[in-house]
Amino acid sequence: MDDTKDLDKKERLLASLDQGMVMIHLDARRPGVLVPASLRGEAHLRLNLSYRFDPPDLTVGEWGVRCTLSFSGSRFTVAVPWSALFAIASHVTKESWMYMEDMPPELLQQPAAARPPPQPLPVPVAAERPRTFLREVPTEPVDEVAPPPPTPSEVPPPEGPKDDSPPPRRSHLRLVK
């Protein structure tokens, strides 16, 4: 690794992965990027990484990130060099780090609202959240008044337990040794 920026990306990604799921933002058109053919032209590709996915080959090294991920149910080994990665966002801590010098020019020209969020991610304000609209549901008018609850002397004694429940079914899980 020849760049302190790449070292910073590596350290932030590893620290975020230790805490939980991380989203990496990358330019899939950059040299060295290996993604499914349908995603190779993406200027802003987002991939979720996590140790909880139990990746057999997740590697964060000097070159970049390598991992086998699932795309529409199909497994694919992804390779992302540090030069293609321009943002890291932790799903757990809600922190994100952007590397503006590695961002695709198209994203730099977009309005700020369309870019990946800066560090730290803002917490949505109640006014920004979509509101649920409630409507009144008409009820049918009641002609009679409900009787008062029975007094303790009027309540019949409880019956013994009824065994109307069906017999327990065999579990669908089984232990394989």
Protein backbone atom coordinates (compact mmCIF):
# COMPACT_ATOMS: atom_id res chain seq x y z
CA MET A 1 0.00 0.00 0.00
CA ASP A 2 1.66 3.21 -1.11
CA ASP A 3 -0.85 5.79 0.03
CA THR A 4 -1.94 6.96 3.47
CA LYS A 5 -5.44 7.44 2.05
CA ASP A 6 -5.60 3.72 1.18
CA LEU A 7 -4.37 2.86 4.67
CA ASP A 8 -7.10 5.08 6.14
CA LYS A 9 -9.74 3.34 4.00
CA LYS A 10 -8.49 -0.06 5.13
CA GLU A 11 -8.47 0.88 8.83
CA ARG A 12 -11.94 2.47 8.71
CA LEU A 13 -13.41 -0.48 6.82
CA LEU A 14 -11.93 -3.03 9.23
CA ALA A 15 -13.08 -1.04 12.28
CA SER A 16 -16.59 -0.71 10.84
CA LEU A 17 -16.76 -4.41 9.95
CA ASP A 18 -15.84 -5.25 13.55
CA GLN A 19 -18.99 -3.39 14.63
CA GLY A 20 -21.39 -4.85 12.05
CA MET A 21 -22.66 -4.32 8.51
CA VAL A 22 -20.88 -1.82 6.27
CA MET A 23 -21.84 -0.36 2.91
CA ILE A 24 -19.01 0.45 0.54
CA HIS A 25 -19.52 2.89 -2.33
CA LEU A 26 -17.42 2.30 -5.43
CA ASP A 27 -16.98 3.18 -9.08
CA ALA A 28 -17.39 -0.18 -10.84
CA ARG A 29 -15.84 1.20 -14.06
CA ARG A 30 -12.38 1.65 -12.53
CA PRO A 31 -9.51 -0.67 -13.49
CA GLY A 32 -9.22 -3.76 -11.31
CA VAL A 33 -12.87 -3.80 -10.20
CA LEU A 34 -14.50 -7.19 -10.58
CA VAL A 35 -18.31 -7.25 -10.31
CA PRO A 36 -21.09 -9.02 -12.26
CA ALA A 37 -21.29 -7.94 -15.90
CA SER A 38 -24.64 -6.21 -15.36
CA LEU A 39 -23.03 -3.83 -12.83
CA ARG A 40 -19.71 -3.03 -14.57
CA GLY A 41 -20.93 0.29 -15.96
CA GLU A 42 -22.11 1.66 -12.59
CA ALA A 43 -20.48 4.92 -11.50
CA HIS A 44 -21.97 4.53 -8.02
CA LEU A 45 -22.29 0.91 -6.93
CA ARG A 46 -23.14 0.14 -3.30
CA LEU A 47 -22.22 -3.20 -1.73
CA ASN A 48 -23.01 -4.43 1.78
CA LEU A 49 -20.29 -6.32 3.62
CA SER A 50 -20.54 -8.04 6.99
CA TYR A 51 -18.86 -10.79 8.96
CA ARG A 52 -22.43 -11.94 9.77
CA PHE A 53 -22.84 -13.01 6.12
CA ASP A 54 -20.25 -15.66 7.06
CA PRO A 55 -18.15 -14.89 3.99
CA PRO A 56 -15.72 -17.71 3.29
CA ASP A 57 -13.22 -15.43 1.60
CA LEU A 58 -13.65 -11.84 2.84
CA THR A 59 -10.22 -10.26 2.51
CA VAL A 60 -9.34 -6.66 3.32
CA GLY A 61 -5.71 -6.27 2.29
CA GLU A 62 -3.07 -4.02 0.81
CA TRP A 63 -4.69 -4.08 -2.63
CA GLY A 64 -8.32 -3.63 -1.61
CA VAL A 65 -11.35 -5.78 -0.77
CA ARG A 66 -12.21 -9.24 -2.09
CA CYS A 67 -15.33 -11.20 -1.13
CA THR A 68 -17.91 -13.59 -2.55
CA LEU A 69 -21.33 -11.93 -2.44
CA SER A 70 -24.80 -12.85 -3.61
CA PHE A 71 -26.39 -10.95 -6.51
CA SER A 72 -30.01 -11.92 -7.26
CA GLY A 73 -29.41 -15.31 -5.68
CA SER A 74 -26.17 -16.02 -7.59
CA ARG A 75 -22.77 -15.98 -5.91
CA PHE A 76 -20.00 -13.84 -7.43
CA THR A 77 -16.48 -13.08 -6.24
CA VAL A 78 -16.09 -9.31 -6.07
CA ALA A 79 -12.78 -7.45 -6.12
CA VAL A 80 -12.57 -3.73 -5.27
CA PRO A 81 -9.20 -1.92 -5.35
CA TRP A 82 -8.83 0.97 -2.91
CA SER A 83 -8.69 3.43 -5.81
CA ALA A 84 -12.29 2.51 -6.79
CA LEU A 85 -13.73 2.84 -3.26
CA PHE A 86 -14.87 6.40 -2.52
CA ALA A 87 -17.12 6.05 0.56
CA ILE A 88 -17.64 3.77 3.56
CA ALA A 89 -20.83 3.83 5.66
CA SER A 90 -21.44 1.87 8.85
CA HIS A 91 -25.01 0.62 9.26
CA VAL A 92 -24.41 0.23 13.01
CA THR A 93 -22.83 3.53 14.05
CA LYS A 94 -24.39 5.58 11.22
CA GLU A 95 -20.96 7.05 10.48
CA SER A 96 -19.71 7.51 6.94
CA TRP A 97 -16.44 8.55 5.38
CA MET A 98 -16.07 10.03 1.90
CA TYR A 99 -12.95 10.28 -0.20
CA MET A 100 -13.84 13.08 -2.61
CA GLU A 101 -10.69 12.69 -4.74
CA ASP A 102 -11.78 9.14 -5.66
CA MET A 103 -15.40 10.01 -6.44
CA PRO A 104 -16.52 9.70 -10.06
CA PRO A 105 -16.79 13.11 -11.79
CA GLU A 106 -20.49 12.50 -12.51
CA LEU A 107 -21.24 12.34 -8.79
CA LEU A 108 -19.29 15.50 -8.07
CA GLN A 109 -21.43 17.35 -10.64
CA GLN A 110 -24.72 16.15 -9.12
CA PRO A 111 -26.59 18.29 -6.61
CA ALA A 112 -25.53 17.68 -3.02
CA ALA A 113 -28.82 15.87 -2.23
CA ALA A 114 -28.00 13.11 -4.75
CA ARG A 115 -24.46 12.46 -3.43
CA PRO A 116 -23.63 9.95 -0.71
CA PRO A 117 -24.19 11.59 2.67
CA PRO A 118 -21.25 13.27 4.41
CA GLN A 119 -19.90 12.18 7.79
CA PRO A 120 -21.78 11.63 10.10
CA LEU A 121 -25.11 10.56 8.68
CA PRO A 122 -27.91 12.87 9.81
CA VAL A 123 -30.64 11.48 12.00
CA PRO A 124 -34.04 12.03 10.34
CA VAL A 125 -36.09 14.74 11.99
CA ALA A 126 -39.72 13.95 12.73
CA ALA A 127 -40.84 16.55 10.17
CA GLU A 128 -38.83 14.78 7.43
CA ARG A 129 -40.35 11.37 8.06
CA PRO A 130 -43.39 10.36 6.04
CA ARG A 131 -46.55 10.82 8.02
CA THR A 132 -49.28 8.29 8.45
CA PHE A 133 -52.72 9.65 7.86
CA LEU A 134 -55.46 8.35 10.10
CA ARG A 135 -59.06 8.28 9.05
CA GLU A 136 -62.15 7.79 11.15
CA VAL A 137 -63.91 4.48 10.72
CA PRO A 138 -67.67 4.78 11.26
CA THR A 139 -69.11 2.34 13.76
CA GLU A 140 -72.60 0.96 13.80
CA PRO A 141 -74.84 2.60 16.39
CA VAL A 142 -75.56 0.49 19.45
CA ASP A 143 -79.25 0.42 20.48
CA GLU A 144 -78.90 -1.40 23.77
CA VAL A 145 -76.81 -0.65 26.80
CA ALA A 146 -74.24 -3.25 27.80
CA PRO A 147 -75.07 -5.13 31.02
CA PRO A 148 -72.92 -4.37 34.07
CA PRO A 149 -70.09 -6.82 34.80
CA PRO A 150 -71.06 -9.72 37.10
CA THR A 151 -70.24 -9.52 40.79
CA PRO A 152 -67.87 -12.13 42.23
CA SER A 153 -70.78 -14.08 43.72
CA GLU A 154 -72.43 -14.35 40.26
CA VAL A 155 -69.33 -15.70 38.50
CA PRO A 156 -69.44 -19.51 38.11
CA PRO A 157 -66.42 -21.41 39.45
CA PRO A 158 -63.77 -22.16 36.83
CA GLU A 159 -63.89 -25.55 35.20
CA GLY A 160 -60.98 -27.94 35.21
CA PRO A 161 -58.49 -27.77 32.38
CA LYS A 162 -59.77 -28.85 29.00
CA ASP A 163 -57.54 -30.90 26.78
CA ASP A 164 -59.02 -29.91 23.42
CA SER A 165 -55.62 -29.06 21.97
CA PRO A 166 -54.30 -31.31 19.23
CA PRO A 167 -51.36 -33.54 20.13
CA PRO A 168 -47.97 -31.89 19.62
CA ARG A 169 -46.61 -32.26 16.12
CA ARG A 170 -43.16 -33.46 15.37
CA SER A 171 -40.70 -30.64 14.78
CA HIS A 172 -39.54 -29.95 11.23
CA LEU A 173 -35.98 -29.55 12.52
CA ARG A 174 -33.80 -32.50 13.24
CA LEU A 175 -30.35 -33.02 14.66
CA VAL A 176 -27.81 -34.42 12.23
CA LYS A 177 -24.65 -35.90 13.75
